[in-house]
Amino acid sequence: MATIQFKGKVKTIYYTYQANRDYIQIPALNSKHCEMNAFRVHPKYGSYANSQLFPGILARLSKTIFGGKYLYLDQIPEGVTVDTSGFLAVVTITV
């Protein structure tokens, strides 16, 4: 299974009329965030792993999974794990 991993700071949105929400801003994903050996043997992404199309594929994958620029910690999508035990949260996406 191919994984994408990045770190981000947990921030809080403060609302006056509802509960506060924690979120992490999603960076522009590229090959440094990916486990490239797993992507090279992946049945779907293997032929694109070393091409110039790979950053576009990662951008589309990020948009499909998260839907925007932020990962809200109260709505974590399937296939995504978040470790908030350290100063920076570690987000792991399993493809």
N, C-alpha and C. Protein backbone atom coordinates (compact mmCIF):
# COMPACT_ATOMS: atom_id res chain seq x y z
N MET A 1 0.84 -1.17 0.00
CA MET A 1 0.00 0.00 0.00
C MET A 1 0.89 1.24 0.00
N ALA A 2 0.58 2.13 -0.87
CA ALA A 2 1.34 3.37 -0.99
C ALA A 2 0.83 4.38 0.04
N THR A 3 1.76 5.12 0.63
CA THR A 3 1.38 6.11 1.64
C THR A 3 1.94 7.48 1.29
N ILE A 4 1.20 8.48 1.68
CA ILE A 4 1.60 9.88 1.58
C ILE A 4 1.58 10.42 3.00
N GLN A 5 2.64 11.11 3.40
CA GLN A 5 2.73 11.58 4.78
C GLN A 5 3.26 13.01 4.81
N PHE A 6 2.60 13.84 5.62
CA PHE A 6 3.07 15.21 5.81
C PHE A 6 2.77 15.64 7.23
N LYS A 7 3.41 16.73 7.65
CA LYS A 7 3.22 17.27 8.99
C LYS A 7 2.57 18.64 8.90
N GLY A 8 1.79 18.97 9.90
CA GLY A 8 1.14 20.27 9.94
C GLY A 8 0.78 20.66 11.36
N LYS A 9 0.66 21.95 11.56
CA LYS A 9 0.30 22.46 12.89
C LYS A 9 -1.22 22.46 13.04
N VAL A 10 -1.68 22.00 14.18
CA VAL A 10 -3.11 22.00 14.47
C VAL A 10 -3.52 23.40 14.89
N LYS A 11 -4.48 23.95 14.18
CA LYS A 11 -4.99 25.29 14.49
C LYS A 11 -6.46 25.18 14.84
N THR A 12 -6.98 26.20 15.49
CA THR A 12 -8.37 26.19 15.94
C THR A 12 -9.12 27.37 15.35
N ILE A 13 -10.32 27.08 14.86
CA ILE A 13 -11.24 28.14 14.42
C ILE A 13 -12.18 28.40 15.59
N TYR A 14 -12.30 29.65 15.98
CA TYR A 14 -13.17 30.01 17.09
C TYR A 14 -14.47 30.60 16.56
N TYR A 15 -15.58 29.97 16.91
CA TYR A 15 -16.90 30.44 16.53
C TYR A 15 -17.62 30.96 17.77
N THR A 16 -18.47 31.94 17.59
CA THR A 16 -19.25 32.44 18.72
C THR A 16 -20.55 31.68 18.88
N TYR A 17 -21.01 31.05 17.82
CA TYR A 17 -22.33 30.44 17.85
C TYR A 17 -22.29 28.91 17.84
N GLN A 18 -21.12 28.30 17.75
CA GLN A 18 -21.04 26.85 17.80
C GLN A 18 -19.69 26.43 18.36
N ALA A 19 -19.47 25.13 18.45
CA ALA A 19 -18.23 24.61 19.02
C ALA A 19 -17.03 24.96 18.15
N ASN A 20 -15.88 25.08 18.78
CA ASN A 20 -14.65 25.37 18.06
C ASN A 20 -14.22 24.14 17.26
N ARG A 21 -13.53 24.37 16.13
CA ARG A 21 -13.08 23.28 15.26
C ARG A 21 -11.57 23.35 15.09
N ASP A 22 -10.92 22.20 15.20
CA ASP A 22 -9.49 22.09 14.95
C ASP A 22 -9.29 21.66 13.51
N TYR A 23 -8.23 22.20 12.87
CA TYR A 23 -7.94 21.85 11.49
C TYR A 23 -6.45 21.87 11.23
N ILE A 24 -6.05 21.25 10.13
CA ILE A 24 -4.67 21.25 9.66
C ILE A 24 -4.72 21.70 8.21
N GLN A 25 -3.84 22.63 7.84
CA GLN A 25 -3.78 23.08 6.45
C GLN A 25 -3.00 22.05 5.63
N ILE A 26 -3.52 21.69 4.47
CA ILE A 26 -2.92 20.68 3.62
C ILE A 26 -1.93 21.35 2.66
N PRO A 27 -0.68 20.91 2.63
CA PRO A 27 0.29 21.51 1.71
C PRO A 27 0.08 20.99 0.29
N ALA A 28 0.76 21.61 -0.66
CA ALA A 28 0.77 21.09 -2.03
C ALA A 28 1.61 19.82 -2.02
N LEU A 29 0.99 18.70 -2.31
CA LEU A 29 1.68 17.42 -2.23
C LEU A 29 2.60 17.23 -3.42
N ASN A 30 3.77 16.66 -3.16
CA ASN A 30 4.70 16.30 -4.23
C ASN A 30 5.41 15.01 -3.84
N SER A 31 6.41 14.62 -4.61
CA SER A 31 7.03 13.30 -4.41
C SER A 31 7.79 13.19 -3.08
N LYS A 32 8.18 14.31 -2.47
CA LYS A 32 8.89 14.21 -1.18
C LYS A 32 7.96 13.77 -0.05
N HIS A 33 6.66 13.89 -0.24
CA HIS A 33 5.69 13.44 0.76
C HIS A 33 5.33 11.96 0.58
N CYS A 34 5.75 11.35 -0.52
CA CYS A 34 5.31 10.00 -0.89
C CYS A 34 6.38 8.96 -0.60
N GLU A 35 5.93 7.75 -0.35
CA GLU A 35 6.81 6.59 -0.28
C GLU A 35 6.95 6.08 -1.71
N MET A 36 7.99 6.53 -2.40
CA MET A 36 8.10 6.34 -3.84
C MET A 36 8.27 4.88 -4.26
N ASN A 37 8.93 4.06 -3.46
CA ASN A 37 9.07 2.65 -3.82
C ASN A 37 7.71 1.96 -3.89
N ALA A 38 6.82 2.30 -2.98
CA ALA A 38 5.48 1.72 -3.00
C ALA A 38 4.67 2.26 -4.17
N PHE A 39 4.87 3.53 -4.53
CA PHE A 39 4.14 4.09 -5.66
C PHE A 39 4.63 3.50 -6.98
N ARG A 40 5.90 3.15 -7.08
CA ARG A 40 6.42 2.58 -8.33
C ARG A 40 5.85 1.21 -8.63
N VAL A 41 5.45 0.46 -7.61
CA VAL A 41 4.86 -0.86 -7.81
C VAL A 41 3.35 -0.87 -7.64
N HIS A 42 2.75 0.29 -7.42
CA HIS A 42 1.30 0.39 -7.25
C HIS A 42 0.62 0.08 -8.58
N PRO A 43 -0.47 -0.71 -8.56
CA PRO A 43 -1.12 -1.08 -9.82
C PRO A 43 -1.73 0.09 -10.59
N LYS A 44 -2.17 1.12 -9.90
CA LYS A 44 -2.82 2.25 -10.57
C LYS A 44 -1.83 3.38 -10.87
N TYR A 45 -0.96 3.71 -9.94
CA TYR A 45 -0.08 4.87 -10.07
C TYR A 45 1.35 4.50 -10.45
N GLY A 46 1.66 3.23 -10.61
CA GLY A 46 3.03 2.79 -10.87
C GLY A 46 3.63 3.36 -12.14
N SER A 47 2.87 3.46 -13.20
CA SER A 47 3.43 3.95 -14.46
C SER A 47 3.61 5.47 -14.46
N TYR A 48 3.00 6.16 -13.51
CA TYR A 48 3.11 7.62 -13.44
C TYR A 48 4.06 8.11 -12.35
N ALA A 49 4.61 7.20 -11.56
CA ALA A 49 5.39 7.59 -10.38
C ALA A 49 6.62 8.41 -10.72
N ASN A 50 7.27 8.15 -11.83
CA ASN A 50 8.48 8.89 -12.18
C ASN A 50 8.24 9.88 -13.31
N SER A 51 7.01 10.16 -13.64
CA SER A 51 6.73 11.06 -14.76
C SER A 51 6.45 12.47 -14.26
N GLN A 52 6.33 13.39 -15.22
CA GLN A 52 6.01 14.77 -14.89
C GLN A 52 4.53 14.94 -14.57
N LEU A 53 3.74 13.92 -14.79
CA LEU A 53 2.31 13.97 -14.48
C LEU A 53 2.01 13.69 -13.01
N PHE A 54 3.00 13.19 -12.28
CA PHE A 54 2.78 12.76 -10.90
C PHE A 54 2.32 13.88 -9.97
N PRO A 55 2.88 15.11 -10.02
CA PRO A 55 2.35 16.17 -9.15
C PRO A 55 0.88 16.49 -9.42
N GLY A 56 0.46 16.44 -10.66
CA GLY A 56 -0.95 16.66 -10.97
C GLY A 56 -1.84 15.55 -10.44
N ILE A 57 -1.35 14.33 -10.50
CA ILE A 57 -2.10 13.20 -9.95
C ILE A 57 -2.23 13.34 -8.44
N LEU A 58 -1.16 13.77 -7.77
CA LEU A 58 -1.23 13.98 -6.32
C LEU A 58 -2.18 15.12 -5.97
N ALA A 59 -2.20 16.18 -6.76
CA ALA A 59 -3.11 17.30 -6.51
C ALA A 59 -4.57 16.85 -6.65
N ARG A 60 -4.85 16.05 -7.67
CA ARG A 60 -6.21 15.55 -7.86
C ARG A 60 -6.60 14.58 -6.75
N LEU A 61 -5.65 13.75 -6.32
CA LEU A 61 -5.90 12.83 -5.22
C LEU A 61 -6.20 13.59 -3.92
N SER A 62 -5.45 14.65 -3.67
CA SER A 62 -5.69 15.47 -2.48
C SER A 62 -7.05 16.14 -2.53
N LYS A 63 -7.42 16.66 -3.69
CA LYS A 63 -8.72 17.31 -3.83
C LYS A 63 -9.86 16.31 -3.67
N THR A 64 -9.67 15.09 -4.16
CA THR A 64 -10.70 14.06 -4.03
C THR A 64 -10.89 13.63 -2.58
N ILE A 65 -9.78 13.46 -1.87
CA ILE A 65 -9.87 12.98 -0.48
C ILE A 65 -10.36 14.07 0.46
N PHE A 66 -9.76 15.26 0.38
CA PHE A 66 -10.05 16.31 1.35
C PHE A 66 -11.10 17.30 0.89
N GLY A 67 -11.23 17.53 -0.40
CA GLY A 67 -12.23 18.45 -0.91
C GLY A 67 -11.84 19.91 -0.82
N GLY A 68 -10.74 20.23 -0.24
CA GLY A 68 -10.33 21.63 -0.09
C GLY A 68 -8.92 21.72 0.44
N LYS A 69 -8.64 22.84 1.11
CA LYS A 69 -7.30 23.10 1.60
C LYS A 69 -7.09 22.71 3.05
N TYR A 70 -8.16 22.27 3.72
CA TYR A 70 -8.07 22.01 5.15
C TYR A 70 -8.57 20.61 5.49
N LEU A 71 -7.94 20.01 6.49
CA LEU A 71 -8.38 18.74 7.06
C LEU A 71 -8.94 19.05 8.44
N TYR A 72 -10.25 18.93 8.59
CA TYR A 72 -10.88 19.17 9.88
C TYR A 72 -10.79 17.90 10.71
N LEU A 73 -10.33 18.04 11.95
CA LEU A 73 -10.08 16.87 12.78
C LEU A 73 -11.35 16.20 13.27
N ASP A 74 -12.49 16.85 13.14
CA ASP A 74 -13.75 16.20 13.50
C ASP A 74 -14.38 15.49 12.30
N GLN A 75 -13.78 15.61 11.11
CA GLN A 75 -14.27 14.95 9.89
C GLN A 75 -13.11 14.35 9.13
N ILE A 76 -12.44 13.36 9.70
CA ILE A 76 -11.30 12.74 9.05
C ILE A 76 -11.81 11.73 8.03
N PRO A 77 -11.39 11.84 6.77
CA PRO A 77 -11.85 10.91 5.73
C PRO A 77 -11.31 9.50 5.93
N GLU A 78 -11.92 8.55 5.24
CA GLU A 78 -11.48 7.17 5.28
C GLU A 78 -10.12 7.04 4.59
N GLY A 79 -9.24 6.27 5.17
CA GLY A 79 -7.90 6.08 4.62
C GLY A 79 -6.89 7.11 5.11
N VAL A 80 -7.31 8.00 6.00
CA VAL A 80 -6.43 9.05 6.53
C VAL A 80 -6.31 8.85 8.04
N THR A 81 -5.08 8.87 8.54
CA THR A 81 -4.86 8.81 9.98
C THR A 81 -4.09 10.05 10.41
N VAL A 82 -4.38 10.53 11.61
CA VAL A 82 -3.75 11.73 12.14
C VAL A 82 -3.20 11.42 13.53
N ASP A 83 -1.91 11.70 13.72
CA ASP A 83 -1.26 11.51 15.01
C ASP A 83 -0.96 12.90 15.57
N THR A 84 -1.68 13.28 16.61
CA THR A 84 -1.52 14.61 17.21
C THR A 84 -0.73 14.58 18.51
N SER A 85 0.08 13.55 18.72
CA SER A 85 0.79 13.42 19.99
C SER A 85 1.98 14.38 20.10
N GLY A 86 2.53 14.85 18.99
CA GLY A 86 3.67 15.75 19.02
C GLY A 86 3.27 17.19 18.80
N PHE A 87 4.29 18.05 18.65
CA PHE A 87 4.02 19.47 18.40
C PHE A 87 3.33 19.65 17.05
N LEU A 88 3.84 18.95 16.03
CA LEU A 88 3.20 18.95 14.72
C LEU A 88 2.44 17.65 14.55
N ALA A 89 1.28 17.73 13.98
CA ALA A 89 0.47 16.54 13.72
C ALA A 89 1.00 15.85 12.46
N VAL A 90 1.05 14.53 12.49
CA VAL A 90 1.50 13.74 11.35
C VAL A 90 0.27 13.14 10.68
N VAL A 91 0.06 13.51 9.41
CA VAL A 91 -1.08 13.04 8.64
C VAL A 91 -0.57 11.99 7.66
N THR A 92 -1.18 10.81 7.67
CA THR A 92 -0.80 9.72 6.78
C THR A 92 -2.00 9.34 5.93
N ILE A 93 -1.81 9.33 4.62
CA ILE A 93 -2.85 8.95 3.67
C ILE A 93 -2.45 7.62 3.06
N THR A 94 -3.33 6.64 3.12
CA THR A 94 -3.07 5.34 2.53
C THR A 94 -3.87 5.22 1.25
N VAL A 95 -3.16 4.96 0.15
CA VAL A 95 -3.81 4.87 -1.16
C VAL A 95 -3.86 3.42 -1.59
